[in-house]
Amino acid sequence: MDVYRRHRPAGGGATHVRPDEPRVLESWDGFACIPEGTAPNLAAAQAWAAGRPGPGG
């Protein structure tokens, strides 16, 4: 697997729907995706997944 960080909507559904809702952040540990935390919105989750600091951090 070449994706080491991913995000998904906390309430389920497609990632592009409701961009202002919280996201669950997960990282790949070589065996399974483990929860890393949450992001307040899609933009912050995308920044985290890309390895960049999110807004305010």
PDB file of N, CA and C in Angstrom:
ATOM      1  N   MET A   1       0.854  -1.173   0.000  1.00  0.00           N
ATOM      2  CA  MET A   1       0.000   0.000   0.000  1.00  0.00           C
ATOM      3  C   MET A   1       0.898   1.234   0.000  1.00  0.00           C
ATOM      4  N   ASP A   2       0.642   2.158  -0.898  1.00  0.00           N
ATOM      5  CA  ASP A   2       1.484   3.347  -0.975  1.00  0.00           C
ATOM      6  C   ASP A   2       0.830   4.589  -0.366  1.00  0.00           C
ATOM      7  N   VAL A   3      -0.305   4.446   0.283  1.00  0.00           N
ATOM      8  CA  VAL A   3      -0.958   5.553   0.976  1.00  0.00           C
ATOM      9  C   VAL A   3      -0.750   5.336   2.471  1.00  0.00           C
ATOM     10  N   TYR A   4       0.030   6.223   3.085  1.00  0.00           N
ATOM     11  CA  TYR A   4       0.356   6.054   4.496  1.00  0.00           C
ATOM     12  C   TYR A   4      -0.519   6.878   5.419  1.00  0.00           C
ATOM     13  N   ARG A   5      -1.210   7.874   4.870  1.00  0.00           N
ATOM     14  CA  ARG A   5      -2.141   8.689   5.650  1.00  0.00           C
ATOM     15  C   ARG A   5      -3.418   8.838   4.847  1.00  0.00           C
ATOM     16  N   ARG A   6      -4.549   8.715   5.530  1.00  0.00           N
ATOM     17  CA  ARG A   6      -5.825   8.910   4.848  1.00  0.00           C
ATOM     18  C   ARG A   6      -6.805   9.569   5.796  1.00  0.00           C
ATOM     19  N   HIS A   7      -7.873  10.094   5.226  1.00  0.00           N
ATOM     20  CA  HIS A   7      -8.934  10.710   6.025  1.00  0.00           C
ATOM     21  C   HIS A   7     -10.269  10.252   5.464  1.00  0.00           C
ATOM     22  N   ARG A   8     -11.266  10.261   6.329  1.00  0.00           N
ATOM     23  CA  ARG A   8     -12.619   9.910   5.911  1.00  0.00           C
ATOM     24  C   ARG A   8     -13.605  10.694   6.758  1.00  0.00           C
ATOM     25  N   PRO A   9     -14.798  10.961   6.214  1.00  0.00           N
ATOM     26  CA  PRO A   9     -15.794  11.710   6.979  1.00  0.00           C
ATOM     27  C   PRO A   9     -16.174  10.972   8.260  1.00  0.00           C
ATOM     28  N   ALA A  10     -16.308  11.693   9.343  1.00  0.00           N
ATOM     29  CA  ALA A  10     -16.669  11.079  10.619  1.00  0.00           C
ATOM     30  C   ALA A  10     -18.058  10.453  10.565  1.00  0.00           C
ATOM     31  N   GLY A  11     -18.947  11.018   9.756  1.00  0.00           N
ATOM     32  CA  GLY A  11     -20.305  10.498   9.662  1.00  0.00           C
ATOM     33  C   GLY A  11     -20.506   9.523   8.522  1.00  0.00           C
ATOM     34  N   GLY A  12     -19.428   9.156   7.828  1.00  0.00           N
ATOM     35  CA  GLY A  12     -19.534   8.259   6.683  1.00  0.00           C
ATOM     36  C   GLY A  12     -19.849   9.019   5.405  1.00  0.00           C
ATOM     37  N   GLY A  13     -19.886   8.314   4.298  1.00  0.00           N
ATOM     38  CA  GLY A  13     -20.181   8.926   3.009  1.00  0.00           C
ATOM     39  C   GLY A  13     -18.927   9.249   2.226  1.00  0.00           C
ATOM     40  N   ALA A  14     -19.126   9.916   1.099  1.00  0.00           N
ATOM     41  CA  ALA A  14     -18.025  10.274   0.211  1.00  0.00           C
ATOM     42  C   ALA A  14     -17.186  11.404   0.806  1.00  0.00           C
ATOM     43  N   THR A  15     -15.891  11.427   0.482  1.00  0.00           N
ATOM     44  CA  THR A  15     -15.006  12.418   1.098  1.00  0.00           C
ATOM     45  C   THR A  15     -15.280  13.845   0.639  1.00  0.00           C
ATOM     46  N   HIS A  16     -15.838  14.035  -0.554  1.00  0.00           N
ATOM     47  CA  HIS A  16     -16.061  15.393  -1.055  1.00  0.00           C
ATOM     48  C   HIS A  16     -17.382  15.995  -0.579  1.00  0.00           C
ATOM     49  N   VAL A  17     -18.236  15.190   0.016  1.00  0.00           N
ATOM     50  CA  VAL A  17     -19.535  15.669   0.477  1.00  0.00           C
ATOM     51  C   VAL A  17     -19.387  16.330   1.847  1.00  0.00           C
ATOM     52  N   ARG A  18     -20.061  17.447   2.037  1.00  0.00           N
ATOM     53  CA  ARG A  18     -20.047  18.169   3.316  1.00  0.00           C
ATOM     54  C   ARG A  18     -18.614  18.490   3.780  1.00  0.00           C
ATOM     55  N   PRO A  19     -17.919  19.350   3.037  1.00  0.00           N
ATOM     56  CA  PRO A  19     -16.514  19.635   3.354  1.00  0.00           C
ATOM     57  C   PRO A  19     -16.278  20.325   4.691  1.00  0.00           C
ATOM     58  N   ASP A  20     -17.316  20.840   5.323  1.00  0.00           N
ATOM     59  CA  ASP A  20     -17.142  21.531   6.611  1.00  0.00           C
ATOM     60  C   ASP A  20     -17.334  20.622   7.817  1.00  0.00           C
ATOM     61  N   GLU A  21     -17.572  19.341   7.583  1.00  0.00           N
ATOM     62  CA  GLU A  21     -17.765  18.410   8.704  1.00  0.00           C
ATOM     63  C   GLU A  21     -16.445  17.764   9.111  1.00  0.00           C
ATOM     64  N   PRO A  22     -16.345  17.276  10.353  1.00  0.00           N
ATOM     65  CA  PRO A  22     -15.109  16.662  10.860  1.00  0.00           C
ATOM     66  C   PRO A  22     -14.698  15.423  10.070  1.00  0.00           C
ATOM     67  N   ARG A  23     -13.399  15.156  10.085  1.00  0.00           N
ATOM     68  CA  ARG A  23     -12.831  13.991   9.411  1.00  0.00           C
ATOM     69  C   ARG A  23     -12.034  13.169  10.408  1.00  0.00           C
ATOM     70  N   VAL A  24     -12.049  11.861  10.222  1.00  0.00           N
ATOM     71  CA  VAL A  24     -11.229  10.939  11.008  1.00  0.00           C
ATOM     72  C   VAL A  24      -9.907  10.777  10.265  1.00  0.00           C
ATOM     73  N   LEU A  25      -8.795  10.919  10.970  1.00  0.00           N
ATOM     74  CA  LEU A  25      -7.463  10.785  10.375  1.00  0.00           C
ATOM     75  C   LEU A  25      -6.890   9.422  10.740  1.00  0.00           C
ATOM     76  N   GLU A  26      -6.357   8.718   9.750  1.00  0.00           N
ATOM     77  CA  GLU A  26      -5.786   7.392   9.979  1.00  0.00           C
ATOM     78  C   GLU A  26      -4.445   7.289   9.284  1.00  0.00           C
ATOM     79  N   SER A  27      -3.543   6.518   9.863  1.00  0.00           N
ATOM     80  CA  SER A  27      -2.250   6.267   9.218  1.00  0.00           C
ATOM     81  C   SER A  27      -2.024   4.770   9.113  1.00  0.00           C
ATOM     82  N   TRP A  28      -1.229   4.387   8.143  1.00  0.00           N
ATOM     83  CA  TRP A  28      -0.915   2.984   7.879  1.00  0.00           C
ATOM     84  C   TRP A  28       0.337   2.611   8.662  1.00  0.00           C
ATOM     85  N   ASP A  29       0.258   1.549   9.465  1.00  0.00           N
ATOM     86  CA  ASP A  29       1.410   1.139  10.269  1.00  0.00           C
ATOM     87  C   ASP A  29       2.136  -0.075   9.675  1.00  0.00           C
ATOM     88  N   GLY A  30       1.799  -0.424   8.440  1.00  0.00           N
ATOM     89  CA  GLY A  30       2.419  -1.570   7.794  1.00  0.00           C
ATOM     90  C   GLY A  30       1.548  -2.814   7.862  1.00  0.00           C
ATOM     91  N   PHE A  31       0.515  -2.756   8.689  1.00  0.00           N
ATOM     92  CA  PHE A  31      -0.388  -3.889   8.839  1.00  0.00           C
ATOM     93  C   PHE A  31      -1.849  -3.463   8.738  1.00  0.00           C
ATOM     94  N   ALA A  32      -2.181  -2.340   9.352  1.00  0.00           N
ATOM     95  CA  ALA A  32      -3.565  -1.859   9.365  1.00  0.00           C
ATOM     96  C   ALA A  32      -3.582  -0.341   9.517  1.00  0.00           C
ATOM     97  N   CYS A  33      -4.718   0.259   9.208  1.00  0.00           N
ATOM     98  CA  CYS A  33      -4.896   1.696   9.428  1.00  0.00           C
ATOM     99  C   CYS A  33      -5.244   1.911  10.894  1.00  0.00           C
ATOM    100  N   ILE A  34      -4.516   2.822  11.522  1.00  0.00           N
ATOM    101  CA  ILE A  34      -4.772   3.112  12.934  1.00  0.00           C
ATOM    102  C   ILE A  34      -5.237   4.567  13.063  1.00  0.00           C
ATOM    103  N   PRO A  35      -6.177   4.839  13.957  1.00  0.00           N
ATOM    104  CA  PRO A  35      -6.663   6.208  14.125  1.00  0.00           C
ATOM    105  C   PRO A  35      -5.567   7.115  14.682  1.00  0.00           C
ATOM    106  N   GLU A  36      -5.489   8.308  14.132  1.00  0.00           N
ATOM    107  CA  GLU A  36      -4.505   9.296  14.578  1.00  0.00           C
ATOM    108  C   GLU A  36      -5.158  10.505  15.229  1.00  0.00           C
ATOM    109  N   GLY A  37      -6.426  10.719  14.943  1.00  0.00           N
ATOM    110  CA  GLY A  37      -7.123  11.872  15.505  1.00  0.00           C
ATOM    111  C   GLY A  37      -8.233  12.326  14.591  1.00  0.00           C
ATOM    112  N   THR A  38      -8.599  13.595  14.712  1.00  0.00           N
ATOM    113  CA  THR A  38      -9.647  14.161  13.882  1.00  0.00           C
ATOM    114  C   THR A  38      -9.192  15.501  13.321  1.00  0.00           C
ATOM    115  N   ALA A  39      -9.853  15.911  12.258  1.00  0.00           N
ATOM    116  CA  ALA A  39      -9.631  17.225  11.664  1.00  0.00           C
ATOM    117  C   ALA A  39     -10.983  17.929  11.610  1.00  0.00           C
ATOM    118  N   PRO A  40     -10.994  19.245  11.748  1.00  0.00           N
ATOM    119  CA  PRO A  40     -12.277  19.956  11.792  1.00  0.00           C
ATOM    120  C   PRO A  40     -13.005  20.034  10.453  1.00  0.00           C
ATOM    121  N   ASN A  41     -12.257  19.867   9.333  1.00  0.00           N
ATOM    122  CA  ASN A  41     -12.886  19.978   8.016  1.00  0.00           C
ATOM    123  C   ASN A  41     -12.025  19.288   6.955  1.00  0.00           C
ATOM    124  N   LEU A  42     -12.522  19.274   5.726  1.00  0.00           N
ATOM    125  CA  LEU A  42     -11.845  18.596   4.631  1.00  0.00           C
ATOM    126  C   LEU A  42     -10.481  19.211   4.333  1.00  0.00           C
ATOM    127  N   ALA A  43     -10.378  20.539   4.332  1.00  0.00           N
ATOM    128  CA  ALA A  43      -9.106  21.200   4.010  1.00  0.00           C
ATOM    129  C   ALA A  43      -8.008  20.818   5.006  1.00  0.00           C
ATOM    130  N   ALA A  44      -8.334  20.798   6.282  1.00  0.00           N
ATOM    131  CA  ALA A  44      -7.354  20.430   7.301  1.00  0.00           C
ATOM    132  C   ALA A  44      -6.964  18.952   7.160  1.00  0.00           C
ATOM    133  N   ALA A  45      -7.926  18.101   6.840  1.00  0.00           N
ATOM    134  CA  ALA A  45      -7.641  16.673   6.665  1.00  0.00           C
ATOM    135  C   ALA A  45      -6.741  16.441   5.456  1.00  0.00           C
ATOM    136  N   GLN A  46      -6.994  17.149   4.369  1.00  0.00           N
ATOM    137  CA  GLN A  46      -6.154  17.007   3.172  1.00  0.00           C
ATOM    138  C   GLN A  46      -4.735  17.489   3.440  1.00  0.00           C
ATOM    139  N   ALA A  47      -4.593  18.576   4.193  1.00  0.00           N
ATOM    140  CA  ALA A  47      -3.262  19.074   4.537  1.00  0.00           C
ATOM    141  C   ALA A  47      -2.520  18.048   5.391  1.00  0.00           C
ATOM    142  N   TRP A  48      -3.186  17.447   6.358  1.00  0.00           N
ATOM    143  CA  TRP A  48      -2.564  16.423   7.211  1.00  0.00           C
ATOM    144  C   TRP A  48      -2.156  15.227   6.365  1.00  0.00           C
ATOM    145  N   ALA A  49      -3.020  14.776   5.468  1.00  0.00           N
ATOM    146  CA  ALA A  49      -2.719  13.604   4.639  1.00  0.00           C
ATOM    147  C   ALA A  49      -1.525  13.857   3.720  1.00  0.00           C
ATOM    148  N   ALA A  50      -1.330  15.099   3.323  1.00  0.00           N
ATOM    149  CA  ALA A  50      -0.213  15.461   2.459  1.00  0.00           C
ATOM    150  C   ALA A  50       1.065  15.704   3.251  1.00  0.00           C
ATOM    151  N   GLY A  51       0.991  15.650   4.595  1.00  0.00           N
ATOM    152  CA  GLY A  51       2.156  15.854   5.438  1.00  0.00           C
ATOM    153  C   GLY A  51       2.429  17.302   5.758  1.00  0.00           C
ATOM    154  N   ARG A  52       1.492  18.176   5.422  1.00  0.00           N
ATOM    155  CA  ARG A  52       1.649  19.600   5.726  1.00  0.00           C
ATOM    156  C   ARG A  52       0.908  19.924   7.009  1.00  0.00           C
ATOM    157  N   PRO A  53       1.346  20.930   7.742  1.00  0.00           N
ATOM    158  CA  PRO A  53       0.598  21.336   8.929  1.00  0.00           C
ATOM    159  C   PRO A  53      -0.750  21.910   8.512  1.00  0.00           C
ATOM    160  N   GLY A  54      -1.764  21.655   9.286  1.00  0.00           N
ATOM    161  CA  GLY A  54      -3.087  22.176   9.001  1.00  0.00           C
ATOM    162  C   GLY A  54      -3.209  23.626   9.426  1.00  0.00           C
ATOM    163  N   PRO A  55      -4.369  24.225   9.215  1.00  0.00           N
ATOM    164  CA  PRO A  55      -4.583  25.594   9.638  1.00  0.00           C
ATOM    165  C   PRO A  55      -4.336  25.758  11.136  1.00  0.00           C
ATOM    166  N   GLY A  56      -3.579  26.762  11.485  1.00  0.00           N
ATOM    167  CA  GLY A  56      -3.274  27.028  12.886  1.00  0.00           C
ATOM    168  C   GLY A  56      -2.212  26.122  13.478  1.00  0.00           C
ATOM    169  N   GLY A  57      -1.569  25.272  12.651  1.00  0.00           N
ATOM    170  CA  GLY A  57      -0.575  24.396  13.232  1.00  0.00           C
ATOM    171  C   GLY A  57       0.555  24.217  12.342  1.00  0.00           C
TER     172      GLY A  57
END
